[in-house]
Amino acid sequence: GGDSGELITAAFFLGVPHPPGYPLYTLAAAAAIRLLEPTGWEVAYRANLLSACLGSLTGVMLYLSLLRWLKMVYFHELSDSTPTKTLGPFEFCVVVPALWGALSFSANVHVWNAFTQAEVFSLNNFICASILYALVRFYDSKFESLKVFIVIGALACGLGVSNQHTSVFLSIPSIIGVLCSQRFWNEGWKSRLLLSCSAFITGLLPYLYLPWASANSPDS
């Protein structure tokens, strides 16, 4: 991508790329570059490998989201711990479409390009896929598990803003959908609201990296 060189350089030297700074991606790429240093691979290759791994995880999250959603729609399944619960001869009715949807997305030429180069889009796609999964689980899980998926979704929304602002086009409708659901406001809603707000704010913490990096690398 056009920004790959800049992003890799910022991650390697712990600097700040162009606005909005992409603090989450810079930190993730910096971690990948340093953790894979013993391999002796080129710095750019290590950063590209991060995108490839995030791309694989995005496909998995999309598959799980579609699988849960299709089971919820067609079989009215409500389960906390068995997302791939056997549905007998009708299993293929949900597994095949879910797998096809995830593979179709991942094989798209624009998505594939994002997953094979050091860019913020791979991390953005993974975060958005995580938001979708948390949203589906919010609607199809038992009441006792709501808090877990609300926190995961809120954290993902915050991390999305810390990576690329376009994620708000998914985060805002998702937040509105959750807040408009009676499930959120059932007994214990105060603790769920507090935890979700805390998780969202936690997701914004990578922005603290920007002033630190600017102070320690003023030429970045």
Protein backbone atom coordinates (compact mmCIF):
# COMPACT_ATOMS: atom_id res chain seq x y z
CA GLY A 1 0.00 0.00 0.00
CA GLY A 2 1.00 3.62 -0.37
CA ASP A 3 1.43 4.04 3.37
CA SER A 4 3.14 0.72 4.10
CA GLY A 5 6.66 2.13 4.17
CA GLU A 6 5.67 4.95 6.48
CA LEU A 7 3.74 2.64 8.82
CA ILE A 8 6.59 0.13 9.00
CA THR A 9 9.09 2.89 9.72
CA ALA A 10 6.89 4.36 12.45
CA ALA A 11 6.48 0.92 14.02
CA PHE A 12 10.19 0.15 13.85
CA PHE A 13 11.34 3.46 15.33
CA LEU A 14 8.27 3.92 17.57
CA GLY A 15 7.33 7.11 15.79
CA VAL A 16 4.03 8.63 14.70
CA PRO A 17 2.71 8.16 11.14
CA HIS A 18 0.44 10.65 9.38
CA PRO A 19 -2.83 11.73 11.09
CA PRO A 20 -4.76 10.32 12.83
CA GLY A 21 -1.61 8.54 13.98
CA TYR A 22 -2.98 4.96 13.98
CA PRO A 23 -1.67 4.23 17.48
CA LEU A 24 -3.12 0.74 17.79
CA TYR A 25 -1.70 -0.48 14.50
CA THR A 26 1.66 1.13 15.20
CA LEU A 27 1.89 -0.63 18.56
CA ALA A 28 0.73 -3.96 17.10
CA ALA A 29 3.22 -3.75 14.24
CA ALA A 30 5.99 -2.69 16.62
CA ALA A 31 5.26 -5.73 18.79
CA ALA A 32 5.23 -8.08 15.79
CA ILE A 33 8.50 -6.66 14.44
CA ARG A 34 10.24 -7.14 17.78
CA LEU A 35 8.76 -10.52 18.68
CA LEU A 36 9.76 -11.97 15.30
CA GLU A 37 13.25 -10.46 15.36
CA PRO A 38 14.91 -13.80 16.28
CA THR A 39 13.69 -15.25 12.97
CA GLY A 40 16.01 -12.96 11.05
CA TRP A 41 13.26 -12.05 8.60
CA GLU A 42 13.17 -8.63 7.02
CA VAL A 43 11.34 -5.95 9.03
CA ALA A 44 8.83 -5.40 6.23
CA TYR A 45 8.14 -9.14 6.01
CA ARG A 46 7.41 -9.29 9.73
CA ALA A 47 4.96 -6.40 9.44
CA ASN A 48 3.31 -8.01 6.43
CA LEU A 49 3.01 -11.28 8.34
CA LEU A 50 1.00 -9.45 11.00
CA SER A 51 -1.51 -8.44 8.33
CA ALA A 52 -1.70 -12.02 7.06
CA CYS A 53 -2.39 -13.35 10.56
CA LEU A 54 -5.04 -10.70 11.16
CA GLY A 55 -6.60 -11.61 7.82
CA SER A 56 -6.84 -15.25 8.84
CA LEU A 57 -8.42 -14.31 12.16
CA THR A 58 -10.88 -12.05 10.35
CA GLY A 59 -12.05 -14.96 8.23
CA VAL A 60 -12.50 -17.11 11.33
CA MET A 61 -14.49 -14.41 13.14
CA LEU A 62 -16.72 -13.87 10.11
CA TYR A 63 -17.36 -17.60 9.84
CA LEU A 64 -18.30 -17.86 13.52
CA SER A 65 -20.53 -14.79 13.27
CA LEU A 66 -22.37 -16.12 10.22
CA LEU A 67 -22.66 -19.57 11.78
CA ARG A 68 -24.25 -18.22 14.96
CA TRP A 69 -26.53 -15.87 13.06
CA LEU A 70 -27.77 -18.55 10.66
CA LYS A 71 -28.43 -20.97 13.52
CA MET A 72 -30.29 -18.25 15.38
CA VAL A 73 -32.42 -17.35 12.36
CA TYR A 74 -33.17 -20.77 10.95
CA PHE A 75 -33.05 -23.03 13.97
CA HIS A 76 -33.77 -20.60 16.83
CA GLU A 77 -30.81 -22.07 18.68
CA LEU A 78 -29.94 -20.55 22.05
CA SER A 79 -26.66 -21.81 23.41
CA ASP A 80 -23.84 -20.43 25.52
CA SER A 81 -21.09 -22.90 24.88
CA THR A 82 -21.83 -24.92 21.74
CA PRO A 83 -21.61 -22.59 18.72
CA THR A 84 -21.24 -25.63 16.45
CA LYS A 85 -23.90 -27.74 18.09
CA THR A 86 -24.84 -30.64 15.83
CA LEU A 87 -28.02 -30.05 13.88
CA GLY A 88 -28.17 -33.45 12.24
CA PRO A 89 -28.69 -33.62 8.48
CA PHE A 90 -29.46 -29.88 8.39
CA GLU A 91 -25.99 -28.90 9.62
CA PHE A 92 -24.84 -28.12 6.07
CA CYS A 93 -27.66 -25.54 5.81
CA VAL A 94 -25.71 -23.24 8.09
CA VAL A 95 -22.11 -24.46 7.84
CA VAL A 96 -21.81 -24.19 4.06
CA PRO A 97 -23.29 -20.65 3.74
CA ALA A 98 -21.22 -19.44 6.71
CA LEU A 99 -18.04 -20.90 5.24
CA TRP A 100 -18.86 -19.58 1.78
CA GLY A 101 -19.52 -16.09 3.13
CA ALA A 102 -16.24 -15.97 5.06
CA LEU A 103 -14.22 -17.32 2.13
CA SER A 104 -15.90 -14.98 -0.35
CA PHE A 105 -15.00 -11.99 1.77
CA SER A 106 -11.42 -13.12 2.33
CA ALA A 107 -10.88 -13.90 -1.36
CA ASN A 108 -12.05 -10.47 -2.52
CA VAL A 109 -9.16 -8.84 -4.35
CA HIS A 110 -9.24 -5.64 -2.26
CA VAL A 111 -9.47 -7.55 1.01
CA TRP A 112 -6.73 -9.94 -0.08
CA ASN A 113 -4.44 -7.01 -0.88
CA ALA A 114 -5.05 -5.59 2.60
CA PHE A 115 -4.15 -8.94 4.14
CA THR A 116 -0.83 -9.22 2.30
CA GLN A 117 0.76 -5.87 3.08
CA ALA A 118 1.49 -3.71 6.10
CA GLU A 119 -1.61 -1.54 6.29
CA VAL A 120 -4.17 -0.55 8.92
CA PHE A 121 -7.02 -2.17 6.97
CA SER A 122 -6.20 -5.71 8.07
CA LEU A 123 -6.48 -4.76 11.74
CA ASN A 124 -9.59 -2.71 11.00
CA ASN A 125 -11.25 -5.70 9.33
CA PHE A 126 -10.42 -7.95 12.26
CA ILE A 127 -11.83 -5.47 14.77
CA CYS A 128 -15.03 -5.03 12.73
CA ALA A 129 -15.42 -8.80 12.48
CA SER A 130 -15.03 -9.01 16.26
CA ILE A 131 -17.73 -6.37 16.72
CA LEU A 132 -20.06 -8.37 14.49
CA TYR A 133 -19.38 -11.54 16.47
CA ALA A 134 -20.02 -9.81 19.79
CA LEU A 135 -23.23 -8.31 18.39
CA VAL A 136 -24.55 -11.67 17.21
CA ARG A 137 -23.66 -13.31 20.52
CA PHE A 138 -25.41 -10.50 22.38
CA TYR A 139 -28.68 -11.41 20.68
CA ASP A 140 -28.38 -15.20 20.74
CA SER A 141 -26.77 -15.90 24.12
CA LYS A 142 -28.45 -16.66 27.40
CA PHE A 143 -28.99 -13.76 29.77
CA GLU A 144 -26.09 -14.79 32.03
CA SER A 145 -23.57 -14.33 29.21
CA LEU A 146 -24.70 -10.90 28.02
CA LYS A 147 -22.13 -9.04 30.09
CA VAL A 148 -19.22 -10.89 28.50
CA PHE A 149 -20.18 -10.09 24.93
CA ILE A 150 -21.18 -6.52 25.75
CA VAL A 151 -17.71 -5.93 27.20
CA ILE A 152 -16.02 -7.59 24.21
CA GLY A 153 -18.07 -5.51 21.79
CA ALA A 154 -17.45 -2.25 23.66
CA LEU A 155 -13.72 -2.94 23.85
CA ALA A 156 -13.63 -3.72 20.13
CA CYS A 157 -15.47 -0.47 19.36
CA GLY A 158 -12.90 1.50 21.33
CA LEU A 159 -9.99 -0.30 19.71
CA GLY A 160 -11.54 0.35 16.32
CA VAL A 161 -11.43 4.09 16.95
CA SER A 162 -7.80 3.71 18.05
CA ASN A 163 -6.98 2.10 14.73
CA GLN A 164 -9.05 3.60 11.93
CA HIS A 165 -11.98 5.99 12.31
CA THR A 166 -14.04 4.35 9.56
CA SER A 167 -14.94 1.64 12.07
CA VAL A 168 -17.48 4.06 13.57
CA PHE A 169 -19.78 3.29 10.64
CA LEU A 170 -20.18 -0.15 12.21
CA SER A 171 -19.65 0.76 15.86
CA ILE A 172 -22.33 3.44 16.09
CA PRO A 173 -25.19 1.35 14.62
CA SER A 174 -24.08 -1.60 16.76
CA ILE A 175 -24.10 0.49 19.95
CA ILE A 176 -27.50 1.94 19.07
CA GLY A 177 -28.86 -1.55 18.39
CA VAL A 178 -27.64 -2.84 21.75
CA LEU A 179 -28.93 0.16 23.69
CA CYS A 180 -32.34 -0.13 21.99
CA SER A 181 -32.62 -3.78 22.98
CA GLN A 182 -34.60 -4.70 26.07
CA ARG A 183 -31.99 -7.37 26.78
CA PHE A 184 -29.50 -4.68 27.76
CA TRP A 185 -31.86 -2.98 30.21
CA ASN A 186 -32.95 -6.08 32.10
CA GLU A 187 -31.89 -6.68 35.69
CA GLY A 188 -28.26 -5.70 36.24
CA TRP A 189 -28.20 -3.05 33.52
CA LYS A 190 -26.22 -0.61 35.66
CA SER A 191 -23.24 -2.94 35.93
CA ARG A 192 -23.44 -3.74 32.22
CA LEU A 193 -23.49 -0.04 31.37
CA LEU A 194 -20.54 0.69 33.65
CA LEU A 195 -18.50 -2.22 32.31
CA SER A 196 -19.24 -1.38 28.69
CA CYS A 197 -18.24 2.27 29.17
CA SER A 198 -15.05 1.18 30.93
CA ALA A 199 -14.25 -1.29 28.16
CA PHE A 200 -14.79 1.35 25.47
CA ILE A 201 -12.51 3.82 27.26
CA THR A 202 -9.91 1.07 27.68
CA GLY A 203 -9.99 0.61 23.92
CA LEU A 204 -9.00 4.27 23.51
CA LEU A 205 -5.89 3.96 25.69
CA PRO A 206 -3.56 3.39 22.70
CA TYR A 207 -3.95 7.11 21.99
CA LEU A 208 -1.69 7.71 24.99
CA TYR A 209 1.09 6.40 22.78
CA LEU A 210 0.91 9.43 20.46
CA PRO A 211 2.08 12.12 22.91
CA TRP A 212 4.70 9.74 24.29
CA ALA A 213 6.05 8.95 20.83
CA SER A 214 5.98 12.62 19.81
CA ALA A 215 7.95 13.60 22.89
CA ASN A 216 10.54 10.86 22.39
CA SER A 217 10.71 11.05 18.61
CA PRO A 218 9.93 14.66 17.67
CA ASP A 219 10.98 14.16 14.04
CA SER A 220 8.41 11.39 13.44
